[in-house]
Every structure is written in C-alpha cells, then in structure tokens.
Protein backbone atom coordinates (compact mmCIF):
# COMPACT_ATOMS: atom_id res chain seq x y z
CA UNK A 1 76.05 109.37 215.98
CA UNK A 2 79.50 108.39 214.64
CA UNK A 3 81.59 109.50 211.73
CA UNK A 4 83.26 107.09 209.23
CA UNK A 5 86.23 108.55 207.83
CA UNK A 6 87.94 106.75 204.91
CA UNK A 7 91.39 107.66 204.25
CA UNK A 8 92.68 108.11 200.83
CA UNK A 9 95.99 106.95 201.49
CA UNK A 10 94.74 103.44 202.06
CA UNK A 11 95.48 101.02 199.22
CA UNK A 12 92.08 99.89 198.83
CA UNK A 13 90.89 103.36 198.18
CA UNK A 14 93.20 103.82 194.80
CA UNK A 15 91.47 103.01 191.49
CA UNK A 16 93.40 100.40 189.09
CA UNK A 17 94.49 101.19 185.58
CA UNK A 18 94.38 98.42 183.06
CA UNK A 19 96.29 98.61 179.38
CA UNK A 20 95.05 96.64 176.07
CA UNK A 21 97.29 95.55 173.03
CA UNK A 22 96.15 95.51 169.42
CA UNK A 23 96.75 92.27 168.01
CA UNK A 24 96.47 91.75 164.34
CA UNK A 25 95.70 88.07 162.97
CA UNK A 26 98.04 86.46 160.15
CA UNK A 27 95.06 85.93 158.19
CA UNK A 28 94.97 89.52 156.78
CA UNK A 29 98.47 89.53 155.68
CA UNK A 30 97.73 87.87 152.39
CA UNK A 31 95.07 90.34 151.37
CA UNK A 32 96.98 93.04 152.07
CA UNK A 33 100.09 91.89 150.37
CA UNK A 34 97.83 91.26 147.18
CA UNK A 35 96.19 94.76 147.60
CA UNK A 36 99.75 96.38 147.71
CA UNK A 37 100.68 94.27 144.72
CA UNK A 38 97.64 95.41 142.74
CA UNK A 39 98.04 98.83 143.56
CA UNK A 40 101.72 98.91 142.25
CA UNK A 41 100.85 97.21 139.02
CA UNK A 42 97.92 99.80 138.69
CA UNK A 43 100.29 102.75 139.34
CA UNK A 44 103.08 101.24 137.06
CA UNK A 45 100.33 100.63 134.03
CA UNK A 46 99.05 104.06 134.71
CA UNK A 47 102.53 105.78 134.68
CA UNK A 48 103.72 103.51 131.57
CA UNK A 49 100.50 103.70 129.46
CA UNK A 50 100.65 105.53 126.32
CA UNK A 51 98.53 108.36 124.90
CA UNK A 52 94.78 107.73 123.74
CA UNK A 53 93.60 108.87 120.41
CA UNK A 54 90.57 108.67 118.11
CA UNK A 55 90.66 107.84 114.53
CA UNK A 56 87.47 108.31 112.22
CA UNK A 57 86.97 106.06 109.09
CA UNK A 58 84.33 105.85 106.65
CA UNK A 59 83.63 102.06 107.61
CA UNK A 60 85.04 99.70 109.99
CA UNK A 61 85.72 96.98 107.41
CA UNK A 62 88.60 94.76 108.67
CA UNK A 63 88.58 96.46 112.14
CA UNK A 64 87.96 94.73 115.63
CA UNK A 65 88.31 95.85 119.08
CA UNK A 66 91.09 94.49 121.28
CA UNK A 67 92.37 92.88 118.05
CA UNK A 68 93.24 95.14 115.38
CA UNK A 69 96.81 96.57 115.83
CA UNK A 70 98.51 99.75 114.96
CA UNK A 71 101.76 99.28 112.94
CA UNK A 72 104.63 101.44 111.66
CA UNK A 73 106.96 99.78 109.38
CA UNK A 74 105.45 96.54 110.52
CA UNK A 75 106.23 97.20 114.17
CA UNK A 76 103.07 97.14 116.52
CA UNK A 77 102.76 100.63 118.28
CA UNK A 78 99.27 100.46 119.56
CA UNK A 79 95.83 98.45 119.48
CA UNK A 80 92.35 99.49 118.68
CA UNK A 81 90.16 99.27 122.12
CA UNK A 82 86.70 100.35 120.91
CA UNK A 83 84.68 100.91 117.90
CA UNK A 84 81.71 102.98 117.73
CA UNK A 85 79.38 104.85 115.28
CA UNK A 86 79.79 108.78 114.99
CA UNK A 87 76.77 110.80 116.54
CA UNK A 88 75.57 111.47 113.08
CA UNK A 89 76.22 107.92 111.72
CA UNK A 90 78.21 109.19 108.88
CA UNK A 91 81.38 107.42 110.04
CA UNK A 92 82.88 105.20 112.59
CA UNK A 93 85.53 106.12 115.34
CA UNK A 94 88.14 103.80 116.48
CA UNK A 95 89.74 104.30 119.99
CA UNK A 96 93.50 103.50 119.87
CA UNK A 97 95.84 103.03 122.87
CA UNK A 98 99.30 103.98 121.75
CA UNK A 99 102.51 102.62 123.53
CA UNK A 100 104.11 105.12 125.89
CA UNK A 101 107.15 105.58 123.71
CA UNK A 102 105.22 106.30 120.41
CA UNK A 103 103.97 110.05 121.51
CA UNK A 104 105.34 111.34 118.17
CA UNK A 105 102.33 109.81 116.50
CA UNK A 106 100.10 112.33 118.16
CA UNK A 107 101.34 115.06 116.14
CA UNK A 108 98.64 116.95 114.11
CA UNK A 109 100.45 115.81 110.71
CA UNK A 110 100.35 112.24 111.63
CA UNK A 111 98.68 109.96 109.14
CA UNK A 112 96.71 106.69 109.89
CA UNK A 113 95.06 104.25 107.26
CA UNK A 114 93.86 100.66 107.10
CA UNK A 115 96.06 98.37 105.25
CA UNK A 116 93.74 95.85 103.27
CA UNK A 117 94.70 93.55 100.12
CA UNK A 118 94.56 96.22 97.12
CA UNK A 119 95.16 95.81 93.51
CA UNK A 120 95.97 99.01 91.33
CA UNK A 121 98.09 100.09 88.67
CA UNK A 122 101.08 99.82 90.74
CA UNK A 123 100.74 96.40 91.68
CA UNK A 124 99.23 94.16 94.45
CA UNK A 125 99.55 95.54 98.06
CA UNK A 126 98.65 94.21 101.50
CA UNK A 127 98.86 90.37 100.39
CA UNK A 128 100.08 89.53 103.99
CA UNK A 129 96.83 90.94 105.36
CA UNK A 130 94.94 87.71 104.01
CA UNK A 131 96.31 85.66 106.77
CA UNK A 132 96.94 88.13 109.73
CA UNK A 133 93.80 90.40 109.02
CA UNK A 134 93.78 94.17 108.30
CA UNK A 135 95.85 96.50 110.65
CA UNK A 136 95.95 100.33 110.90
CA UNK A 137 98.99 101.63 109.43
CA UNK A 138 100.48 105.05 110.98
CA UNK A 139 103.23 107.59 109.97
CA UNK A 140 104.42 110.16 112.14
CA UNK A 141 104.22 114.03 111.74
CA UNK A 142 106.69 116.77 112.26
CA UNK A 143 104.97 119.74 113.00
CA UNK A 144 105.54 119.93 116.63
CA UNK A 145 101.82 120.21 117.55
CA UNK A 146 99.78 117.49 119.23
CA UNK A 147 96.20 116.41 118.83
CA UNK A 148 93.91 113.48 119.80
CA UNK A 149 91.29 113.20 117.01
CA UNK A 150 92.43 112.14 113.55
CA UNK A 151 90.67 111.62 110.18
CA UNK A 152 91.99 108.03 108.68
CA UNK A 153 92.76 107.94 104.95
CA UNK A 154 90.99 105.37 102.92
CA UNK A 155 94.00 104.48 100.92
CA UNK A 156 97.43 104.37 101.79
CA UNK A 157 99.51 107.68 101.30
CA UNK A 158 101.93 107.65 98.20
CA UNK A 159 104.90 108.50 100.45
CA UNK A 160 105.83 108.93 104.14
CA UNK A 161 107.33 111.76 105.81
CA UNK A 162 110.64 110.00 106.50
CA UNK A 163 111.25 109.35 102.50
CA UNK A 164 113.82 111.61 101.12
CA UNK A 165 113.09 113.84 98.10
CA UNK A 166 111.38 116.98 96.90
CA UNK A 167 107.77 118.00 96.21
CA UNK A 168 106.82 120.12 93.23
CA UNK A 169 103.70 121.63 91.78
CA UNK A 170 102.52 121.34 88.16
CA UNK A 171 99.64 123.69 86.72
CA UNK A 172 97.63 122.21 84.06
CA UNK A 173 94.33 122.94 82.54
CA UNK A 174 93.11 119.53 82.67
CA UNK A 175 93.85 116.71 85.04
CA UNK A 176 93.36 114.14 82.42
CA UNK A 177 93.74 110.54 83.52
CA UNK A 178 96.28 111.32 86.24
CA UNK A 179 95.53 110.12 89.86
CA UNK A 180 97.34 109.92 93.16
CA UNK A 181 99.93 107.51 92.95
CA UNK A 182 100.58 107.96 88.96
CA UNK A 183 104.32 107.51 88.17
CA UNK A 184 106.73 110.03 87.37
CA UNK A 185 109.42 109.16 84.77
CA UNK A 186 112.82 110.62 84.09
CA UNK A 187 114.19 109.30 80.90
CA UNK A 188 111.70 106.12 81.12
CA UNK A 189 112.94 105.42 84.76
CA UNK A 190 110.30 105.82 87.49
CA UNK A 191 111.62 108.36 89.92
CA UNK A 192 108.47 109.61 91.85
CA UNK A 193 104.59 109.67 91.73
CA UNK A 194 101.67 112.11 92.03
CA UNK A 195 100.67 112.56 95.83
CA UNK A 196 97.78 114.93 95.50
CA UNK A 197 95.82 117.28 93.24
CA UNK A 198 93.32 120.05 93.56
CA UNK A 199 91.62 123.03 91.64
CA UNK A 200 93.63 126.30 91.29
CA UNK A 201 92.70 129.10 93.25
CA UNK A 202 90.92 130.85 90.20
CA UNK A 203 89.17 127.75 89.29
CA UNK A 204 90.58 127.79 85.92
CA UNK A 205 93.12 124.95 85.95
CA UNK A 206 94.45 122.19 88.23
CA UNK A 207 97.70 122.12 90.49
CA UNK A 208 99.09 118.70 90.65
CA UNK A 209 101.73 117.90 93.48
CA UNK A 210 104.25 115.48 92.62
CA UNK A 211 107.20 114.06 94.62
CA UNK A 212 110.58 113.05 93.15
CA UNK A 213 112.44 110.77 95.33
CA UNK A 214 116.29 111.30 96.03
CA UNK A 215 118.71 111.50 94.71
CA UNK A 216 116.86 111.82 91.40
CA UNK A 217 115.31 114.85 92.71
CA UNK A 218 118.67 116.77 91.87
CA UNK A 219 117.62 116.27 87.95
CA UNK A 220 114.83 118.53 88.17
CA UNK A 221 116.11 121.96 87.42
CA UNK A 222 114.73 125.48 86.87
CA UNK A 223 114.08 124.79 83.11
CA UNK A 224 112.81 121.40 83.24
CA UNK A 225 109.74 120.54 81.10
CA UNK A 226 107.05 118.35 82.56
CA UNK A 227 104.40 116.79 80.34
CA UNK A 228 101.51 114.27 80.50
CA UNK A 229 102.90 110.87 79.35
CA UNK A 230 99.68 108.90 79.70
CA UNK A 231 98.15 106.84 76.88
CA UNK A 232 99.80 105.91 73.55
CA UNK A 233 101.46 108.50 71.00
CA UNK A 234 100.93 107.63 67.60
CA UNK A 235 102.87 109.48 64.91
CA UNK A 236 102.59 108.97 61.11
CA UNK A 237 105.74 110.53 59.61
CA UNK A 238 107.91 109.80 56.35
CA UNK A 239 109.37 106.93 58.11
CA UNK A 240 105.99 105.21 58.62
CA UNK A 241 103.93 104.71 61.89
CA UNK A 242 105.74 105.36 65.38
CA UNK A 243 104.30 104.36 68.78
CA UNK A 244 105.39 105.96 72.07
CA UNK A 245 104.74 105.24 75.51
CA UNK A 246 106.37 105.48 78.87
CA UNK A 247 105.25 102.04 80.15
CA UNK A 248 102.24 99.97 80.41
CA UNK A 249 101.36 101.43 83.67
CA UNK A 250 100.87 104.89 82.09
CA UNK A 251 98.32 103.27 79.73
CA UNK A 252 96.23 102.20 82.44
CA UNK A 253 96.65 104.88 85.21
CA UNK A 254 98.27 107.85 83.55
CA UNK A 255 101.79 109.17 84.29
CA UNK A 256 104.14 112.17 84.19
CA UNK A 257 107.58 112.63 82.31
CA UNK A 258 110.12 115.21 82.54
CA UNK A 259 113.51 116.01 80.98
CA UNK A 260 115.50 119.29 80.24
CA UNK A 261 115.41 120.74 76.57
CA UNK A 262 118.60 120.18 74.56
CA UNK A 263 119.11 123.96 74.04
CA UNK A 264 118.59 124.76 77.66
CA UNK A 265 121.63 126.34 79.21
CA UNK A 266 123.25 125.18 82.45
CA UNK A 267 120.65 125.75 85.09
CA UNK A 268 120.53 125.37 88.89
CA UNK A 269 118.48 122.65 90.70
CA UNK A 270 114.89 123.67 91.26
CA UNK A 271 113.97 124.37 95.14
CA UNK A 272 111.40 122.41 96.80
CA UNK A 273 107.63 123.26 96.20
CA UNK A 274 108.90 125.14 92.81
CA UNK A 275 106.02 125.47 90.32
CA UNK A 276 106.11 124.33 86.79
CA UNK A 277 103.72 124.16 83.78
CA UNK A 278 102.45 120.60 82.76
CA UNK A 279 102.24 120.31 78.85
CA UNK A 280 99.91 118.10 77.18
CA UNK A 281 102.36 116.29 75.24
CA UNK A 282 106.39 116.03 74.63
CA UNK A 283 106.39 118.06 71.37
CA UNK A 284 104.76 120.99 73.05
CA UNK A 285 106.90 120.74 76.17
CA UNK A 286 110.06 120.69 74.48
CA UNK A 287 109.21 123.31 71.67
CA UNK A 288 111.25 126.73 71.73
CA UNK A 289 109.65 129.65 73.95
CA UNK A 290 106.92 130.92 72.02
CA UNK A 291 107.40 134.53 73.21
CA UNK A 292 104.88 137.14 73.53
CA UNK A 293 101.32 136.18 71.68
CA UNK A 294 99.68 138.23 69.12
CA UNK A 295 95.92 138.18 68.57
CA UNK A 296 94.36 138.48 65.18
CA UNK A 297 90.57 137.93 64.10
CA UNK A 298 89.43 136.73 60.51
CA UNK A 299 85.83 136.93 59.24
CA UNK A 300 84.50 134.19 56.94
CA UNK A 301 81.54 134.30 54.75
CA UNK A 302 81.21 130.52 54.53
CA UNK A 303 80.26 127.59 56.99
CA UNK A 304 83.20 126.70 59.38
CA UNK A 305 81.82 123.13 60.20
CA UNK A 306 84.63 121.25 61.34
CA UNK A 307 86.62 124.27 62.67
CA UNK A 308 87.15 123.81 66.45
CA UNK A 309 89.03 125.68 69.26
CA UNK A 310 92.65 124.97 69.32
CA UNK A 311 92.72 124.15 65.60
CA UNK A 312 96.26 125.14 63.99
CA UNK A 313 96.98 128.21 62.52
CA UNK A 314 99.71 127.89 59.82
CA UNK A 315 101.64 130.35 57.91
CA UNK A 316 103.11 129.01 54.77
CA UNK A 317 103.03 125.65 56.21
CA UNK A 318 104.62 126.51 59.64
CA UNK A 319 102.35 126.09 62.83
CA UNK A 320 102.41 129.86 64.28
CA UNK A 321 99.25 129.51 66.40
CA UNK A 322 95.80 128.19 67.32
CA UNK A 323 92.20 129.12 66.96
CA UNK A 324 91.03 130.52 70.34
CA UNK A 325 87.30 131.23 69.37
CA UNK A 326 84.67 130.66 66.60
CA UNK A 327 81.68 132.79 66.76
CA UNK A 328 78.67 134.22 64.43
CA UNK A 329 78.27 137.79 63.54
CA UNK A 330 75.28 139.44 61.81
CA UNK A 331 75.67 141.93 58.85
CA UNK A 332 72.96 144.31 58.37
CA UNK A 333 73.51 145.49 54.99
CA UNK A 334 74.02 141.99 53.72
CA UNK A 335 71.59 140.34 55.95
CA UNK A 336 74.17 137.49 56.35
CA UNK A 337 75.84 135.56 59.11
CA UNK A 338 79.59 135.64 58.91
CA UNK A 339 81.80 133.72 60.99
CA UNK A 340 84.27 135.40 63.22
CA UNK A 341 87.46 133.30 64.07
CA UNK A 342 89.72 134.49 66.95
CA UNK A 343 93.17 133.15 66.82
CA UNK A 344 96.42 133.76 68.71
CA UNK A 345 99.85 133.57 67.04
CA UNK A 346 103.45 133.45 68.06
CA UNK A 347 105.95 135.40 65.61
CA UNK A 348 108.92 133.69 67.46
CA UNK A 349 107.75 130.41 65.81
CA UNK A 350 108.76 131.82 62.63
CA UNK A 351 112.45 131.50 63.70
CA UNK A 352 114.96 133.25 61.67
CA UNK A 353 112.45 134.91 59.42
CA UNK A 354 111.04 136.62 62.50
CA UNK A 355 114.55 137.81 63.39
CA UNK A 356 115.06 139.43 59.93
CA UNK A 357 111.57 140.89 60.30
CA UNK A 358 112.56 142.56 63.63
CA UNK A 359 115.50 143.92 62.10
CA UNK A 360 113.93 145.52 59.37
CA UNK A 361 110.99 146.91 61.69
CA UNK A 362 113.39 147.92 64.58
CA UNK A 363 110.74 147.22 67.30
CA UNK A 364 108.08 144.65 68.28
CA UNK A 365 105.36 146.65 69.34
CA UNK A 366 101.78 146.51 68.21
CA UNK A 367 101.90 149.44 65.70
CA UNK A 368 104.91 147.85 63.87
CA UNK A 369 103.12 144.68 63.82
CA UNK A 370 100.17 146.31 62.17
CA UNK A 371 102.31 148.09 59.52
CA UNK A 372 104.09 144.70 58.86
CA UNK A 373 100.67 142.97 58.46
CA UNK A 374 99.27 145.81 56.42
CA UNK A 375 102.42 145.44 53.94
CA UNK A 376 101.65 141.70 53.77
CA UNK A 377 97.94 142.09 52.85
CA UNK A 378 99.05 144.46 50.16
CA UNK A 379 100.91 141.90 48.75
CA UNK A 380 98.13 139.14 48.92
CA UNK A 381 98.30 137.76 52.30
CA UNK A 382 94.94 136.19 52.85
CA UNK A 383 93.40 133.64 55.55
CA UNK A 384 91.89 130.24 54.17
CA UNK A 385 89.72 127.65 56.12
CA UNK A 386 91.42 124.40 54.56
CA UNK A 387 90.88 120.59 55.15
CA UNK A 388 92.97 118.96 57.68
CA UNK A 389 91.38 115.48 57.37
CA UNK A 390 89.03 114.34 54.45
CA UNK A 391 87.91 111.65 56.68
CA UNK A 392 86.98 113.56 59.71
CA UNK A 393 86.26 116.91 58.17
CA UNK A 394 88.47 119.17 60.39
CA UNK A 395 89.46 122.33 59.24
CA UNK A 396 92.20 124.53 59.95
CA UNK A 397 93.40 128.19 59.19
CA UNK A 398 96.21 128.92 56.63
CA UNK A 399 97.85 132.05 56.09
CA UNK A 400 99.36 132.36 52.73
CA UNK A 401 100.06 134.83 49.90
CA UNK A 402 97.14 134.53 47.24
CA UNK A 403 98.48 135.39 43.54
CA UNK A 404 96.30 138.23 42.03
CA UNK A 405 94.24 138.74 45.09
CA UNK A 406 91.58 141.38 45.12
CA UNK A 407 92.62 144.47 46.83
CA UNK A 408 91.23 144.82 50.30
CA UNK A 409 91.57 147.87 52.76
CA UNK A 410 93.39 147.01 56.10
CA UNK A 411 92.63 148.88 59.24
CA UNK A 412 95.92 149.60 61.06
CA UNK A 413 94.06 150.92 64.09
CA UNK A 414 91.98 147.99 64.62
CA UNK A 415 92.76 145.63 67.78
CA UNK A 416 93.02 143.01 67.11
CA UNK A 417 93.94 142.98 63.74
CA UNK A 418 91.55 141.98 61.10
CA UNK A 419 93.05 139.47 58.42
CA UNK A 420 91.13 139.55 54.87
CA UNK A 421 89.90 135.96 54.06
CA UNK A 422 89.43 133.99 50.61
CA UNK A 423 87.13 130.94 50.26
CA UNK A 424 88.76 127.91 51.11
CA UNK A 425 89.47 125.06 48.51
CA UNK A 426 86.33 122.89 49.65
CA UNK A 427 84.17 126.05 48.73
CA UNK A 428 85.76 126.21 45.35
CA UNK A 429 84.94 122.58 44.86
CA UNK A 430 81.57 122.98 46.20
CA UNK A 431 80.96 126.19 44.02
CA UNK A 432 82.29 124.28 40.91
CA UNK A 433 79.94 121.28 41.88
CA UNK A 434 76.94 123.64 42.38
CA UNK A 435 77.70 125.20 38.78
CA UNK A 436 78.21 121.69 37.32
CA UNK A 437 74.76 120.95 38.78
CA UNK A 438 73.02 123.96 37.43
CA UNK A 439 74.19 123.29 33.91
CA UNK A 440 72.81 119.77 34.16
CA UNK A 441 69.94 120.86 35.44
CA UNK A 442 69.30 123.28 32.38
CA UNK A 443 69.82 120.17 30.06
CA UNK A 444 66.77 119.24 28.28
CA UNK A 445 66.61 115.93 30.12
CA UNK A 446 63.04 115.02 29.17
CA UNK A 447 63.57 115.46 25.39
CA UNK A 448 66.82 113.33 25.65
CA UNK A 449 64.81 110.71 27.72
CA UNK A 450 62.03 110.66 25.04
CA UNK A 451 64.77 110.37 22.19
CA UNK A 452 66.49 107.58 24.18
CA UNK A 453 63.11 105.69 24.41
CA UNK A 454 62.41 106.00 20.75
CA UNK A 455 65.72 104.76 19.93
CA UNK A 456 65.31 101.88 22.37
CA UNK A 457 62.09 101.02 20.79
CA UNK A 458 63.70 100.88 17.24
CA UNK A 459 66.53 98.89 18.46
CA UNK A 460 64.05 96.63 20.09
CA UNK A 461 62.33 96.03 16.53
CA UNK A 462 65.71 95.55 14.84
CA UNK A 463 66.58 93.00 17.51
CA UNK A 464 63.31 91.14 16.87
CA UNK A 465 64.04 91.24 12.95
CA UNK A 466 67.11 89.96 13.54
CA UNK A 467 66.20 87.07 15.77
CA UNK A 468 63.50 86.31 13.54
CA UNK A 469 65.13 86.39 9.96
CA UNK A 470 68.78 87.18 10.13
CA UNK A 471 69.78 84.42 12.63
CA UNK A 472 68.10 81.45 11.09
CA UNK A 473 69.59 82.33 7.80
CA UNK A 474 73.00 82.53 9.37
CA UNK A 475 72.39 79.26 10.92
CA UNK A 476 71.71 77.70 7.66
CA UNK A 477 74.85 79.13 5.84
CA UNK A 478 76.76 78.06 8.89
CA UNK A 479 75.32 74.36 8.67
CA UNK A 480 76.02 74.34 4.68
CA UNK A 481 79.84 75.74 5.57
CA UNK A 482 80.40 72.82 7.95
CA UNK A 483 79.17 70.34 5.32
CA UNK A 484 81.41 71.77 2.71
CA UNK A 485 84.38 71.57 5.27
CA UNK A 486 83.49 67.98 5.86
CA UNK A 487 83.65 67.26 2.14
CA UNK A 488 87.02 69.07 1.80
CA UNK A 489 88.47 66.96 4.69
CA UNK A 490 87.10 63.58 3.09
CA UNK A 491 88.60 64.42 -0.10
CA UNK A 492 92.15 64.85 1.12
CA UNK A 493 92.12 62.08 3.28
CA UNK A 494 95.18 59.44 3.33
CA UNK A 495 93.48 56.89 1.06
CA UNK A 496 91.35 59.11 -1.10
CA UNK A 497 91.86 59.33 -5.13
CA UNK A 498 92.07 63.02 -5.02
CA UNK A 499 95.09 62.83 -2.84
CA UNK A 500 96.75 60.02 -5.14
CA UNK A 501 96.12 62.23 -8.27
CA UNK A 502 97.66 65.39 -6.59
CA UNK A 503 100.62 63.11 -5.57
CA UNK A 504 101.20 61.96 -9.02
CA UNK A 505 100.86 65.51 -10.50
CA UNK A 506 103.45 66.73 -8.12
CA UNK A 507 105.74 63.98 -9.09
CA UNK A 508 105.36 64.77 -12.88
CA UNK A 509 105.89 68.62 -11.93
CA UNK A 510 109.41 67.70 -10.25
CA UNK A 511 110.46 65.49 -13.28
CA UNK A 512 109.40 68.35 -15.48
CA UNK A 513 111.34 70.71 -13.55
CA UNK A 514 114.37 68.39 -13.55
CA UNK A 515 114.45 68.00 -17.51
CA UNK A 516 114.10 71.84 -17.94
CA UNK A 517 116.98 72.35 -15.24
CA UNK A 518 119.23 69.66 -17.55
CA UNK A 519 118.24 71.34 -20.74
CA UNK A 520 119.20 74.75 -19.55
CA UNK A 521 122.67 73.50 -18.38
CA UNK A 522 123.46 72.02 -21.66
CA UNK A 523 122.57 74.91 -23.69
CA UNK A 524 124.39 77.05 -21.43
CA UNK A 525 127.68 75.00 -22.33
CA UNK A 526 126.73 74.28 -25.89
CA UNK A 527 124.64 77.02 -27.49
CA UNK A 528 125.65 75.80 -31.10
CA UNK A 529 123.33 73.06 -30.60
CA UNK A 530 120.35 75.14 -31.12
CA UNK A 531 121.64 75.66 -34.84
CA UNK A 532 123.33 72.02 -35.70
CA UNK A 533 121.70 69.92 -33.29
CA UNK A 534 123.08 67.52 -30.92
CA UNK A 535 125.07 64.21 -31.54
CA UNK A 536 125.01 61.31 -29.22
CA UNK A 537 128.48 62.01 -28.07
CA UNK A 538 127.47 65.50 -26.91
CA UNK A 539 124.72 64.38 -24.41
CA UNK A 540 125.87 65.48 -21.04
CA UNK A 541 126.72 62.92 -18.32
CA UNK A 542 124.32 64.68 -15.86
CA UNK A 543 121.62 64.08 -18.58
CA UNK A 544 122.23 60.40 -18.71
CA UNK A 545 122.33 60.21 -15.07
CA UNK A 546 118.97 62.02 -14.79
CA UNK A 547 117.60 59.38 -17.18
CA UNK A 548 118.72 56.36 -15.31
CA UNK A 549 117.46 57.85 -11.92
CA UNK A 550 114.04 58.48 -13.07
CA UNK A 551 111.30 56.14 -12.82
CA UNK A 552 109.93 56.74 -16.34
CA UNK A 553 112.25 56.77 -19.32
CA UNK A 554 112.00 60.17 -20.74
CA UNK A 555 112.40 60.70 -24.62
CA UNK A 556 115.47 62.28 -26.01
CA UNK A 557 115.50 65.98 -26.39
CA UNK A 558 116.16 66.77 -29.97
CA UNK A 559 117.56 70.01 -30.74
C-alpha cells in the first residue's frame, strides 16, 4: 500500500484569486443629470415658495383657480390656486399662494377683498377689471402677529393702513343716511370719510368711526363740532328761502361736516380716537353750550293732538328747551284724563337775562330755581300749548306771563317743578265756536224757515202778477214812447216845415233883440227924445247901419 503525499508548496496546489471592476454605461448619465436638475429646481422652489393662506368670501363671483391674481397697489403678490365650498356651504374658501417676499400680508390685520366694477356715490371704481377680470386686492397689517385664515371683505375698505391721518369716534342717537364711505367735509372740502359704525355699548346710540386724512387732520381740535350734513337744509327767513347743502353726494349717500365755533378759544389739536358728539344740524352744533338742564312738568286739561316729543319749549319767544314726554293721567276727583307733559329747559339759553337772575339769586341749585319759579308763577307765568303750524297742526309749549291770571298755588318741594297751565289760543277759539254753535242751535230755525217759506210764496204770487199784468202794460207804454220819439225825430228833420218855422222865428227874435239894443243905445245918449221926440238928423249912424244890414226894412222908431 503506498501513500500519496501532495505538497502544499507546489504551484498546482495554490488557489487562484480573480478581481472584477464595476463599469457604468454612458446611457445612464442623461437620466442622472436630469434627476439632479429636477431635484435642485424642486429644492429651489421649496426654498423660494411664499406662505399659503386661505381667504373666505360670500361668493366666488369673478374668481378662477390658477388665474385670479392677488394685487397690492396694482402689483401682483400672489395667485389663487384653488377654490372650494366650505363644509357648511355658507361661503367659499380660496387658497392663495403668496410670494416669498410678501410675508407681511400674513399679518392678522391684513385685509383682502375682490375688486369688481362698482358704481357708488363716490363714483365708478374697478373699471379696469372689465378687460382683465376681477382680482383680489390686499392691504398688509401692522399688528406683528400672523395667521393663515382670513375673512375677505365684500367691499373695498375706505382707507388703507399706509394712509396718513387720524381716526375719530362720533356718537349720535341715529345713524340716519350715513354709510361706510360717506364723505367728511371741512369748509365744504372733502377731507375724509366714514370707515365704520356700530351700536354703542349701552345700545342707546351709534358710534361712527371716521378718518380724516393728513394734513387736514390738524384742523380737528378739542372743541370741534361735527354735524350730520345729509340731505338739503331749507330755511325760510326774513330774507326769503335759503337752500344749504354740502354737495350732491351728501344728498345721495349722506355726509358729515365739522368746524370750530367762532366763539371757541384757542384749543389744541385732538388726539387720535378722540370722541365727539355728532349733532343733527349745523345750528345745534354751533349753538352756545346749554349748561345744566332743568326738568319741569305741566298738566293740561285739553287734547294735545299735534304735540310730539322734541317739540320746542319757548319762553317769551326764545327756545329754551324741548318736550321729552307726553303722557295721560287720571284725576279721580273730576274723573278726567289730563295730559302730563315733561320738558327739559336750559336756563343758559336766556343769555344775559340768566346772568342777571343768577346774580340776584346768588346760587344755581334747585331750591333757588324753585323760589325763582314761584315768583314768576305769582306774577302770572303760565304754560300754553300753541300752534306752530296751521297746515300740519303741530304744537309747541309757550311759557309767558298772562295778564290777570288766576292765582294758582305752587309747590316748592315738587320735583320736577310743576308749572301751571292755561288753555291755548286754539282752545279759546274752539270754545268760542262751540258757544256760537250753541247760540245758533237755540235760534227758532223752524219758525224762521216757515216764515221764509211764506214770504217766498207771497213773493212768488207777486212775481206772477207782475209777469201777467204789469209787464204787458209796461211793454205797451214803451212802444207808445218809441212812437212819440219817432214823431219828434221826423218833426225836427232837415227839410221839415216845423224846423223851417223855428228857424224863421229865431231870425225874428234876433232882429227884435238887435232893434231893442239900438233903441237902448239911442235913449242912453239922448234921453230928451222921450219928451220932444227925435228929428231925422238925430238918428244914429248905428241905427242906419242896422237898417241897411237887415234883410227886411224895419219901420222907423218914433218917440
């Protein structure tokens, strides 16, 4: 048996090791480069992409995904990427991608609205959208806090955050015709507008926020007076009819005007968000301060139809207050329903008279006023409900001194003070008319009517007699008179014998008168002719001339 021994040192016994190389084909270079470029573009887009926000609107009118732009001062800052209904379907939500450099528009005070063509009192806006389509307008906020969900406004805001000026708050009892965008006027120049309004905290008025642009905001001082300048102010005075209005836009959309009173001392400019009272008209706004009000009450035993709240209260023709309430009361003794009228008066409106009274009284408390009123009532101070307008039937309260007024007790401790009253002028007229009607009702109208009927019957008989007898006779007499006149006219015609005879008679009368005149002249010169007669040589020349001038020879006159 033989052993086979294999040596490990032999070359045939060593294993062989082989190495392989990784070879990349050139075909894969193009996809790899494209993938690298795409990745770089994606990374760049991700790094350069701006914030995404959501804006809710009532409707998506004019909005289109991937088309509608977001603009600030007509510069594109983003685009709408998607539009969808909300979960409750009450509004739409627009997804907006903003540019990376416009992160300021994510501030929580930022505002967004849809710009469409609009026609309003301030003119036409959004005309450029007729060709380019609607877009979303934006205005950046300034609070410093960001958010992603916004509620878009349905109308453009009246002002933007970048506009210089001041905001003020006006308090009024009624908004009237004012609205957002209503103009603010200073000396008939528009200097601002209304930006918002809301009910006051107590619900008894309205707070109107206005914005006055710079540099005109410096004219708003601590004593500035604001009033509602809406509509047309018509005033009828001694100089005729006056029409006052700020502009045509105030008639359509309302407006507010302001100015400082002429009697106002030098004041400081008002601070932003200062509060002012909004008066109803210019006259009330520029009136002197009324001072502390005083309340009075009046009881009228008459109907006060036509007397309304805010009706004026006048003293000797001066407006010193207004009516605040008109209520009914019941008097158990007389079983009547008197009318209770509450009013507020302002003694300061009496001017110099109030100053004199204060000096005389020495104080302004209620007790001193009660004593003063007691003195006035003792001297005949009474309240009357008088007619303010005969056409509309409106009434007002007049406080005046009535001569020989019936003495009336006055309660100094009553609060409010009760002023005695007297019937008004209309009540007096009504009483007189009622008395006249009573007198007329007491007249024996039936007897008078019977007598009138009898008289009318007799008159009718008389008229029948006149028509049957008198009138025919009168007609005959008139016909006979007409015949007589015709006869007279024919007798005095140009060729009638009667007229010829009258003409001859008139000639004879003239010759006789001429002879008498000649005789009287001769006797006045020769009175002795009455005794001795007249010779031929004594005949006057005038007589001879008259003889020759006559148509018939007159006989010689012998003494």
